[in-house]
Protein backbone atom coordinates (compact mmCIF):
# COMPACT_ATOMS: atom_id res chain seq x y z
CA MET A 1 17.23 -7.77 -1.20
CA CYS A 2 14.72 -4.96 -0.61
CA ILE A 3 13.25 -4.08 2.79
CA PHE A 4 9.83 -5.55 1.92
CA CYS A 5 11.41 -8.85 0.85
CA LYS A 6 13.22 -8.91 4.21
CA ILE A 7 9.88 -8.37 5.95
CA VAL A 8 8.33 -11.24 3.96
CA ASN A 9 11.30 -13.48 4.88
CA GLY A 10 10.91 -12.66 8.58
CA GLU A 11 14.25 -10.83 8.79
CA ILE A 12 12.53 -7.59 9.83
CA PRO A 13 9.55 -7.63 12.19
CA ASN A 14 6.24 -6.03 11.23
CA ASN A 15 2.81 -5.44 12.70
CA THR A 16 0.81 -7.81 10.49
CA VAL A 17 -2.83 -6.99 9.79
CA HIS A 18 -3.60 -9.82 7.37
CA GLU A 19 -1.65 -12.45 5.44
CA ASN A 20 -2.15 -15.28 3.00
CA GLU A 21 0.15 -17.33 0.76
CA GLN A 22 0.57 -14.53 -1.81
CA PHE A 23 0.17 -11.22 0.05
CA LEU A 24 1.01 -9.46 3.30
CA ALA A 25 -0.63 -6.41 4.90
CA PHE A 26 1.04 -4.58 7.78
CA HIS A 27 0.90 -1.22 9.54
CA ASP A 28 3.16 1.50 8.15
CA LEU A 29 5.86 2.61 10.61
CA TYR A 30 5.30 6.26 9.67
CA PRO A 31 1.52 6.59 9.25
CA LYS A 32 0.04 9.43 7.22
CA ALA A 33 -3.50 8.73 8.49
CA PRO A 34 -5.05 7.22 11.63
CA VAL A 35 -5.02 3.87 9.78
CA HIS A 36 -2.13 3.38 7.33
CA ILE A 37 -1.60 -0.15 6.08
CA LEU A 38 0.84 -1.34 3.41
CA VAL A 39 -0.15 -4.25 1.17
CA ILE A 40 2.56 -6.12 -0.75
CA PRO A 41 2.85 -9.23 -2.86
CA LYS A 42 5.18 -11.72 -1.20
CA GLN A 43 6.89 -12.32 -4.52
CA HIS A 44 9.08 -9.36 -5.48
CA VAL A 45 7.66 -7.15 -8.25
CA ASP A 46 9.35 -3.77 -8.71
CA CYS A 47 6.30 -1.65 -9.49
CA PHE A 48 2.74 -1.53 -10.77
CA GLN A 49 3.98 -1.22 -14.35
CA ASP A 50 5.65 -4.64 -14.05
CA VAL A 51 2.90 -6.60 -12.27
CA GLN A 52 1.01 -9.40 -14.01
CA PRO A 53 -2.79 -8.96 -14.24
CA GLU A 54 -3.47 -12.22 -12.39
CA VAL A 55 -1.41 -10.99 -9.42
CA MET A 56 -3.45 -7.78 -9.36
CA ALA A 57 -6.69 -9.79 -9.41
CA GLY A 58 -5.57 -11.60 -6.26
CA MET A 59 -4.32 -8.39 -4.69
CA THR A 60 -7.68 -6.72 -5.31
CA MET A 61 -9.48 -9.42 -3.35
CA PHE A 62 -6.84 -9.30 -0.61
CA ILE A 63 -7.13 -5.50 -0.23
CA GLN A 64 -10.91 -5.84 0.04
CA GLU A 65 -10.41 -8.44 2.80
CA VAL A 66 -8.07 -6.07 4.67
CA ALA A 67 -10.64 -3.27 4.38
CA LYS A 68 -13.34 -5.54 5.82
CA LYS A 69 -11.09 -6.83 8.59
CA THR A 70 -10.26 -3.28 9.71
CA GLY A 71 -13.78 -1.87 9.24
CA LEU A 72 -12.61 0.55 6.57
CA ASP A 73 -15.04 -0.99 4.08
CA LYS A 74 -17.86 0.67 6.06
CA THR A 75 -16.31 4.14 6.51
CA GLY A 76 -14.18 4.55 3.39
CA TYR A 77 -10.50 4.63 2.61
CA ARG A 78 -7.95 5.85 0.10
CA LEU A 79 -5.91 3.36 -1.90
CA VAL A 80 -2.60 4.66 -3.26
CA ALA A 81 0.14 3.08 -5.33
CA ASN A 82 3.13 5.21 -6.27
CA ASN A 83 4.79 3.99 -9.45
CA GLY A 84 8.45 4.68 -10.20
CA GLU A 85 10.75 7.41 -8.97
CA ASP A 86 8.83 10.32 -10.50
CA GLY A 87 5.60 8.88 -9.07
CA GLY A 88 7.03 9.01 -5.55
CA GLN A 89 7.79 5.30 -5.10
CA GLU A 90 10.44 5.04 -2.39
CA VAL A 91 10.68 1.24 -2.04
CA MET A 92 11.00 -0.54 -5.38
CA HIS A 93 8.67 -3.38 -4.42
CA LEU A 94 5.05 -3.05 -5.50
CA HIS A 95 2.95 -1.85 -2.58
CA PHE A 96 -0.38 -0.21 -1.95
CA HIS A 97 -1.14 2.19 0.88
CA ILE A 98 -4.55 1.83 2.51
CA LEU A 99 -5.30 5.11 4.29
CA GLY A 100 -8.35 5.67 6.45
CA GLY A 101 -9.69 5.98 9.94
CA GLY A 102 -11.05 9.51 9.52
CA LYS A 103 -11.87 12.19 6.98
CA LEU A 104 -8.82 12.43 4.73
CA ARG A 105 -7.62 15.72 3.33
CA TRP A 106 -6.88 16.10 -0.34
CA ASP A 107 -3.94 18.22 -1.45
CA HIS A 108 -5.04 20.42 -4.32
CA SER A 109 -1.60 21.92 -4.97
CA HIS A 110 -1.80 20.74 -8.59
CA GLU A 111 -4.52 23.36 -9.16
CA ASP A 112 -2.17 26.26 -8.34
CA PRO A 113 0.22 26.93 -11.26
CA HIS A 114 2.66 28.61 -8.84
CA LYS A 115 3.16 25.45 -6.76
CA SER A 116 5.35 22.58 -7.85
CA ILE A 117 3.65 19.36 -8.90
């Protein structure tokens, strides 16, 4: 069982931001921004490539609710989903990162041919 499934099952505590029957949003333990929230479906789905469109429709509404609840809908935020090992996904359970709470930097390393991707 993956770490996010253990969180959903209550085996590992979390700092919940918002929850409904299908989804859970909680603060990341290692934030990369002043506000860093993870959003997951409660049902295990490995990655974005495997998710059903109807689940994503519900997740879209849920993420918008989280943004409103935290005030990020007014100031702006970044929404990130890493997909698969080469995409940087570390936990193989679909999750979105909501990053905000200040002006976010953008890494332009992809523009320099001498830097790795």
